[in-house]
Amino acid sequence: MPHDTVTLSGVVDAALADVVVVLHFAFLLFVALGGFLAWRWPWVIRIHVPAVAWALGLVAIGYDCPLTPLEEWFRRRAGEQVAEGGFVDRYIEDVIYPERYTALLRAVVVVAVLVGWGGLVARRRRAAARFDAPRRAGVGPEA
């Protein structure tokens, strides 16, 4: 069978590689904005904290994200070329923003995470104060 023949498995593998790319983008967005999602759904913070820790390790320590080799594996199986570099190198830097802004964007993500978490703490404290106010005033079930 010639190399340029498209097979169903090649199409499926290419589609799965694209799904991994979408998941990678979703993960990055979740790292940046997950704290704000936790304002609406507080349970999200249980997923967001480890996601942020993972992302921090990727940047600080430099280990490889497992989604990148997974995407590359699907691309090879589909008969596609695999570009050099990691996910951010291929799809983010010099595509969405110039590489020279990477440090600035990382700082913006850190600020977004801290504002998200700080807002969550403030919302929880306000909610606890509202719940506690009637009890302190001598009304309610625990008065």
Protein backbone atom coordinates (compact mmCIF):
# COMPACT_ATOMS: atom_id res chain seq x y z
CA MET A 1 0.00 0.00 0.00
CA PRO A 2 1.49 3.43 -0.95
CA HIS A 3 2.47 5.86 1.80
CA ASP A 4 0.15 8.60 0.55
CA THR A 5 -2.96 6.46 0.92
CA VAL A 6 -5.19 7.71 3.70
CA THR A 7 -6.49 4.97 5.94
CA LEU A 8 -9.32 5.05 8.41
CA SER A 9 -6.89 4.38 11.25
CA GLY A 10 -4.72 7.30 10.07
CA VAL A 11 -7.72 9.62 10.06
CA VAL A 12 -8.72 8.43 13.53
CA ASP A 13 -5.17 8.87 14.84
CA ALA A 14 -4.97 12.39 13.36
CA ALA A 15 -8.32 13.24 14.95
CA LEU A 16 -7.15 11.86 18.30
CA ALA A 17 -3.98 13.98 18.06
CA ASP A 18 -6.20 17.01 17.49
CA VAL A 19 -8.32 16.06 20.52
CA VAL A 20 -5.14 15.95 22.62
CA VAL A 21 -4.25 19.46 21.36
CA VAL A 22 -7.70 20.72 22.41
CA LEU A 23 -7.29 19.06 25.83
CA HIS A 24 -3.90 20.71 26.18
CA PHE A 25 -5.40 24.15 25.45
CA ALA A 26 -8.25 23.42 27.87
CA PHE A 27 -5.76 22.49 30.58
CA LEU A 28 -3.86 25.76 30.11
CA LEU A 29 -7.09 27.77 30.27
CA PHE A 30 -8.15 25.84 33.36
CA VAL A 31 -4.84 26.60 35.07
CA ALA A 32 -5.29 30.30 34.38
CA LEU A 33 -9.01 30.57 35.11
CA GLY A 34 -9.96 27.62 37.32
CA GLY A 35 -9.90 29.74 40.47
CA PHE A 36 -12.69 31.86 39.02
CA LEU A 37 -14.71 28.72 38.18
CA ALA A 38 -14.38 27.75 41.86
CA TRP A 39 -16.32 30.90 42.79
CA ARG A 40 -19.37 29.28 41.19
CA TRP A 41 -18.48 25.64 41.86
CA PRO A 42 -16.28 25.48 44.99
CA TRP A 43 -15.44 21.80 44.45
CA VAL A 44 -13.41 22.82 41.38
CA ILE A 45 -10.65 24.09 43.68
CA ARG A 46 -9.82 20.45 44.55
CA ILE A 47 -8.88 19.93 40.90
CA HIS A 48 -7.44 23.38 40.31
CA VAL A 49 -4.78 23.30 43.04
CA PRO A 50 -3.07 20.14 41.69
CA ALA A 51 -3.40 21.47 38.12
CA VAL A 52 -1.62 24.67 39.12
CA ALA A 53 1.04 22.67 40.99
CA TRP A 54 1.58 20.53 37.90
CA ALA A 55 1.86 23.58 35.63
CA LEU A 56 4.23 25.27 38.07
CA GLY A 57 6.43 22.18 38.03
CA LEU A 58 6.42 22.15 34.23
CA VAL A 59 7.70 25.72 34.17
CA ALA A 60 10.01 25.65 37.21
CA ILE A 61 11.50 22.17 36.90
CA GLY A 62 11.03 21.68 33.19
CA TYR A 63 9.69 18.14 33.11
CA ASP A 64 7.65 17.09 30.10
CA CYS A 65 3.88 17.12 30.04
CA PRO A 66 2.59 13.66 29.06
CA LEU A 67 0.09 15.17 26.62
CA THR A 68 2.88 16.26 24.25
CA PRO A 69 4.31 12.76 23.62
CA LEU A 70 0.75 11.42 23.37
CA GLU A 71 -0.07 13.91 20.63
CA GLU A 72 3.21 13.12 18.87
CA TRP A 73 2.49 9.38 19.06
CA PHE A 74 -0.90 9.85 17.40
CA ARG A 75 0.65 12.12 14.75
CA ARG A 76 3.31 9.50 13.90
CA ARG A 77 0.66 6.78 13.72
CA ALA A 78 -1.32 9.00 11.34
CA GLY A 79 1.77 9.39 9.15
CA GLU A 80 2.14 13.09 9.96
CA GLN A 81 5.32 14.98 10.62
CA VAL A 82 6.02 15.82 14.27
CA ALA A 83 7.34 19.32 14.76
CA GLU A 84 10.21 20.08 17.12
CA GLY A 85 9.59 21.51 20.57
CA GLY A 86 6.80 21.19 23.04
CA PHE A 87 3.17 22.19 22.95
CA VAL A 88 3.74 25.82 23.91
CA ASP A 89 6.55 26.12 21.36
CA ARG A 90 4.37 24.76 18.55
CA TYR A 91 0.92 26.17 19.26
CA ILE A 92 1.26 29.16 21.58
CA GLU A 93 4.51 31.11 21.26
CA ASP A 94 4.77 33.02 17.98
CA VAL A 95 1.29 31.77 17.06
CA ILE A 96 -0.98 33.39 19.66
CA TYR A 97 1.58 35.85 21.02
CA PRO A 98 5.23 36.65 20.30
CA GLU A 99 7.71 34.54 22.28
CA ARG A 100 9.20 37.66 23.88
CA TYR A 101 5.95 38.01 25.89
CA THR A 102 6.18 34.55 27.51
CA ALA A 103 7.42 35.86 30.87
CA LEU A 104 4.71 38.53 30.89
CA LEU A 105 2.01 36.00 30.07
CA ARG A 106 3.26 33.68 32.82
CA ALA A 107 3.04 36.61 35.26
CA VAL A 108 -0.51 37.35 34.09
CA VAL A 109 -1.46 33.69 34.70
CA VAL A 110 0.06 33.82 38.20
CA VAL A 111 -1.94 36.98 38.95
CA ALA A 112 -5.12 35.35 37.57
CA VAL A 113 -4.58 32.28 39.77
CA LEU A 114 -3.94 34.41 42.87
CA VAL A 115 -6.95 36.65 42.21
CA GLY A 116 -9.11 33.58 41.61
CA TRP A 117 -8.00 31.94 44.84
CA GLY A 118 -8.19 35.18 46.81
CA GLY A 119 -11.69 35.82 45.54
CA LEU A 120 -12.73 32.31 46.52
CA VAL A 121 -11.42 32.81 50.06
CA ALA A 122 -13.19 36.18 50.33
CA ARG A 123 -16.47 34.70 49.08
CA ARG A 124 -16.25 31.84 51.56
CA ARG A 125 -15.54 34.22 54.44
CA ARG A 126 -18.51 36.43 53.49
CA ALA A 127 -20.76 33.38 53.24
CA ALA A 128 -19.58 32.11 56.63
CA ALA A 129 -20.16 35.55 58.18
CA ARG A 130 -23.72 35.66 56.77
CA PHE A 131 -24.39 32.20 58.16
CA ASP A 132 -22.89 33.05 61.55
CA ALA A 133 -24.59 36.47 61.99
CA PRO A 134 -28.04 35.16 63.05
CA ARG A 135 -26.49 32.79 65.60
CA ARG A 136 -24.49 35.62 67.16
CA ALA A 137 -27.63 37.76 67.29
CA GLY A 138 -29.42 35.07 69.31
CA VAL A 139 -31.73 33.79 66.56
CA GLY A 140 -31.68 30.59 64.63
CA PRO A 141 -31.39 26.93 65.57
CA GLU A 142 -28.14 27.19 67.53
CA ALA A 143 -29.07 30.30 69.53
